[in-house]
Amino acid sequence: MKAVFILAILACALALAYGDLVCGRNYCEKHPCTSTKPTPTSCSSPSIYRAKHAGKCACCPACVTLLAEGAACKTYSKELGETPSAICRDQLTCLKGVCTRVPPRA
């Protein structure tokens, strides 16, 4: 049982370190966006402009649709360069494929 616990902690530490190793603090500065970039005024409703959303490590701007509570959603990996065109609204989290309100921890 101890070995499983230690392996679980080690796996969590490696996952956190991997994200920092892939993107790091200066990744966006060293790898500027090369694709066509939307501007704050080019997004059509219901999309909104987000300066840091698209491309690997979410370095590039994008137009994004905000999903309401109960809407179908998908989780993405910014380290792999996956760019969602729609995300859950603020204070909602994508859980089991649905935008869900999660109460704050006490």
C-alpha atoms as a PDB file:
ATOM      1  CA  MET A   1       0.000   0.000   0.000  1.00  0.00           C
ATOM      2  CA  LYS A   2       2.887   2.364   0.787  1.00  0.00           C
ATOM      3  CA  ALA A   3       4.407   1.711  -2.624  1.00  0.00           C
ATOM      4  CA  VAL A   4       1.153   2.598  -4.400  1.00  0.00           C
ATOM      5  CA  PHE A   5       0.881   5.832  -2.420  1.00  0.00           C
ATOM      6  CA  ILE A   6       4.493   6.782  -3.189  1.00  0.00           C
ATOM      7  CA  LEU A   7       4.011   5.980  -6.887  1.00  0.00           C
ATOM      8  CA  ALA A   8       0.839   8.099  -6.972  1.00  0.00           C
ATOM      9  CA  ILE A   9       2.660  11.083  -5.434  1.00  0.00           C
ATOM     10  CA  LEU A  10       5.567  10.613  -7.830  1.00  0.00           C
ATOM     11  CA  ALA A  11       3.198  10.462 -10.818  1.00  0.00           C
ATOM     12  CA  CYS A  12       1.505  13.707  -9.705  1.00  0.00           C
ATOM     13  CA  ALA A  13       4.848  15.456  -9.257  1.00  0.00           C
ATOM     14  CA  LEU A  14       6.003  14.334 -12.701  1.00  0.00           C
ATOM     15  CA  ALA A  15       2.768  15.520 -14.313  1.00  0.00           C
ATOM     16  CA  LEU A  16       3.164  18.976 -12.752  1.00  0.00           C
ATOM     17  CA  ALA A  17       6.824  19.160 -13.736  1.00  0.00           C
ATOM     18  CA  TYR A  18       6.078  18.022 -17.302  1.00  0.00           C
ATOM     19  CA  GLY A  19       3.620  20.880 -17.821  1.00  0.00           C
ATOM     20  CA  ASP A  20       6.194  23.386 -16.593  1.00  0.00           C
ATOM     21  CA  LEU A  21       8.963  21.778 -18.658  1.00  0.00           C
ATOM     22  CA  VAL A  22       6.910  21.845 -21.861  1.00  0.00           C
ATOM     23  CA  CYS A  23       5.555  25.373 -21.595  1.00  0.00           C
ATOM     24  CA  GLY A  24       7.748  26.988 -18.980  1.00  0.00           C
ATOM     25  CA  ARG A  25       7.610  30.651 -18.079  1.00  0.00           C
ATOM     26  CA  ASN A  26       9.111  32.037 -21.295  1.00  0.00           C
ATOM     27  CA  TYR A  27       7.698  29.641 -23.883  1.00  0.00           C
ATOM     28  CA  CYS A  28       5.391  32.215 -25.503  1.00  0.00           C
ATOM     29  CA  GLU A  29       8.182  34.794 -25.740  1.00  0.00           C
ATOM     30  CA  LYS A  30      10.497  32.295 -27.417  1.00  0.00           C
ATOM     31  CA  HIS A  31       7.793  30.919 -29.750  1.00  0.00           C
ATOM     32  CA  PRO A  32       5.662  33.820 -31.021  1.00  0.00           C
ATOM     33  CA  CYS A  33       2.473  33.153 -32.962  1.00  0.00           C
ATOM     34  CA  THR A  34       2.945  32.769 -36.705  1.00  0.00           C
ATOM     35  CA  SER A  35      -0.623  32.088 -37.777  1.00  0.00           C
ATOM     36  CA  THR A  36      -3.264  34.670 -38.642  1.00  0.00           C
ATOM     37  CA  LYS A  37      -4.312  36.308 -35.408  1.00  0.00           C
ATOM     38  CA  PRO A  38      -7.806  37.560 -34.625  1.00  0.00           C
ATOM     39  CA  THR A  39      -8.176  41.018 -33.106  1.00  0.00           C
ATOM     40  CA  PRO A  40     -10.418  42.048 -30.216  1.00  0.00           C
ATOM     41  CA  THR A  41     -12.917  43.471 -32.723  1.00  0.00           C
ATOM     42  CA  SER A  42     -12.881  40.554 -35.201  1.00  0.00           C
ATOM     43  CA  CYS A  43     -14.810  38.056 -33.059  1.00  0.00           C
ATOM     44  CA  SER A  44     -18.503  37.798 -33.890  1.00  0.00           C
ATOM     45  CA  SER A  45     -21.111  37.202 -31.196  1.00  0.00           C
ATOM     46  CA  PRO A  46     -21.436  34.945 -29.222  1.00  0.00           C
ATOM     47  CA  SER A  47     -17.649  34.508 -29.377  1.00  0.00           C
ATOM     48  CA  ILE A  48     -15.290  36.590 -27.287  1.00  0.00           C
ATOM     49  CA  TYR A  49     -11.631  37.509 -27.821  1.00  0.00           C
ATOM     50  CA  ARG A  50      -9.009  35.865 -25.607  1.00  0.00           C
ATOM     51  CA  ALA A  51      -5.428  37.075 -25.968  1.00  0.00           C
ATOM     52  CA  LYS A  52      -3.850  33.854 -24.645  1.00  0.00           C
ATOM     53  CA  HIS A  53      -5.876  30.872 -25.779  1.00  0.00           C
ATOM     54  CA  ALA A  54      -4.777  29.170 -29.008  1.00  0.00           C
ATOM     55  CA  GLY A  55      -1.735  27.149 -30.076  1.00  0.00           C
ATOM     56  CA  LYS A  56       0.753  25.204 -28.040  1.00  0.00           C
ATOM     57  CA  CYS A  57       0.824  26.434 -24.438  1.00  0.00           C
ATOM     58  CA  ALA A  58      -2.050  28.847 -25.202  1.00  0.00           C
ATOM     59  CA  CYS A  59       0.256  31.591 -26.470  1.00  0.00           C
ATOM     60  CA  CYS A  60      -1.885  32.955 -29.301  1.00  0.00           C
ATOM     61  CA  PRO A  61      -5.117  34.944 -29.453  1.00  0.00           C
ATOM     62  CA  ALA A  62      -8.416  33.336 -30.469  1.00  0.00           C
ATOM     63  CA  CYS A  63     -12.156  33.874 -30.700  1.00  0.00           C
ATOM     64  CA  VAL A  64     -13.895  31.572 -28.208  1.00  0.00           C
ATOM     65  CA  THR A  65     -17.538  30.723 -27.540  1.00  0.00           C
ATOM     66  CA  LEU A  66     -18.486  30.567 -23.857  1.00  0.00           C
ATOM     67  CA  LEU A  67     -20.682  27.615 -22.892  1.00  0.00           C
ATOM     68  CA  ALA A  68     -23.497  27.808 -20.342  1.00  0.00           C
ATOM     69  CA  GLU A  69     -24.089  25.464 -17.426  1.00  0.00           C
ATOM     70  CA  GLY A  70     -25.243  22.059 -18.652  1.00  0.00           C
ATOM     71  CA  ALA A  71     -23.709  22.457 -22.126  1.00  0.00           C
ATOM     72  CA  ALA A  72     -21.585  19.668 -23.605  1.00  0.00           C
ATOM     73  CA  CYS A  73     -17.842  20.378 -23.330  1.00  0.00           C
ATOM     74  CA  LYS A  74     -14.464  18.740 -23.759  1.00  0.00           C
ATOM     75  CA  THR A  75     -11.205  19.093 -21.833  1.00  0.00           C
ATOM     76  CA  TYR A  76      -8.054  19.969 -23.771  1.00  0.00           C
ATOM     77  CA  SER A  77      -4.305  19.932 -23.270  1.00  0.00           C
ATOM     78  CA  LYS A  78      -2.591  23.251 -23.894  1.00  0.00           C
ATOM     79  CA  GLU A  79       0.775  21.475 -23.793  1.00  0.00           C
ATOM     80  CA  LEU A  80      -0.230  19.474 -26.868  1.00  0.00           C
ATOM     81  CA  GLY A  81      -1.461  22.578 -28.651  1.00  0.00           C
ATOM     82  CA  GLU A  82      -5.118  21.623 -28.549  1.00  0.00           C
ATOM     83  CA  THR A  83      -7.269  24.713 -28.977  1.00  0.00           C
ATOM     84  CA  PRO A  84     -10.917  24.566 -27.958  1.00  0.00           C
ATOM     85  CA  SER A  85     -13.254  26.821 -29.906  1.00  0.00           C
ATOM     86  CA  ALA A  86     -15.708  26.702 -27.009  1.00  0.00           C
ATOM     87  CA  ILE A  87     -15.090  26.636 -23.251  1.00  0.00           C
ATOM     88  CA  CYS A  88     -17.222  26.708 -20.119  1.00  0.00           C
ATOM     89  CA  ARG A  89     -18.106  30.163 -18.760  1.00  0.00           C
ATOM     90  CA  ASP A  90     -16.332  31.517 -15.670  1.00  0.00           C
ATOM     91  CA  GLN A  91     -17.144  29.637 -12.477  1.00  0.00           C
ATOM     92  CA  LEU A  92     -18.016  26.515 -14.496  1.00  0.00           C
ATOM     93  CA  THR A  93     -15.802  23.467 -14.991  1.00  0.00           C
ATOM     94  CA  CYS A  94     -15.956  20.767 -17.636  1.00  0.00           C
ATOM     95  CA  LEU A  95     -16.727  17.601 -15.660  1.00  0.00           C
ATOM     96  CA  LYS A  96     -17.601  14.357 -17.435  1.00  0.00           C
ATOM     97  CA  GLY A  97     -18.275  16.264 -20.653  1.00  0.00           C
ATOM     98  CA  VAL A  98     -20.724  18.788 -19.148  1.00  0.00           C
ATOM     99  CA  CYS A  99     -20.164  22.400 -17.976  1.00  0.00           C
ATOM    100  CA  THR A 100     -20.829  22.145 -14.239  1.00  0.00           C
ATOM    101  CA  ARG A 101     -20.890  24.694 -11.413  1.00  0.00           C
ATOM    102  CA  VAL A 102     -18.486  23.558  -8.712  1.00  0.00           C
ATOM    103  CA  PRO A 103     -19.015  25.128  -5.280  1.00  0.00           C
ATOM    104  CA  PRO A 104     -15.930  26.845  -3.836  1.00  0.00           C
ATOM    105  CA  ARG A 105     -13.994  24.919  -1.236  1.00  0.00           C
ATOM    106  CA  ALA A 106     -14.393  26.107   2.323  1.00  0.00           C
END
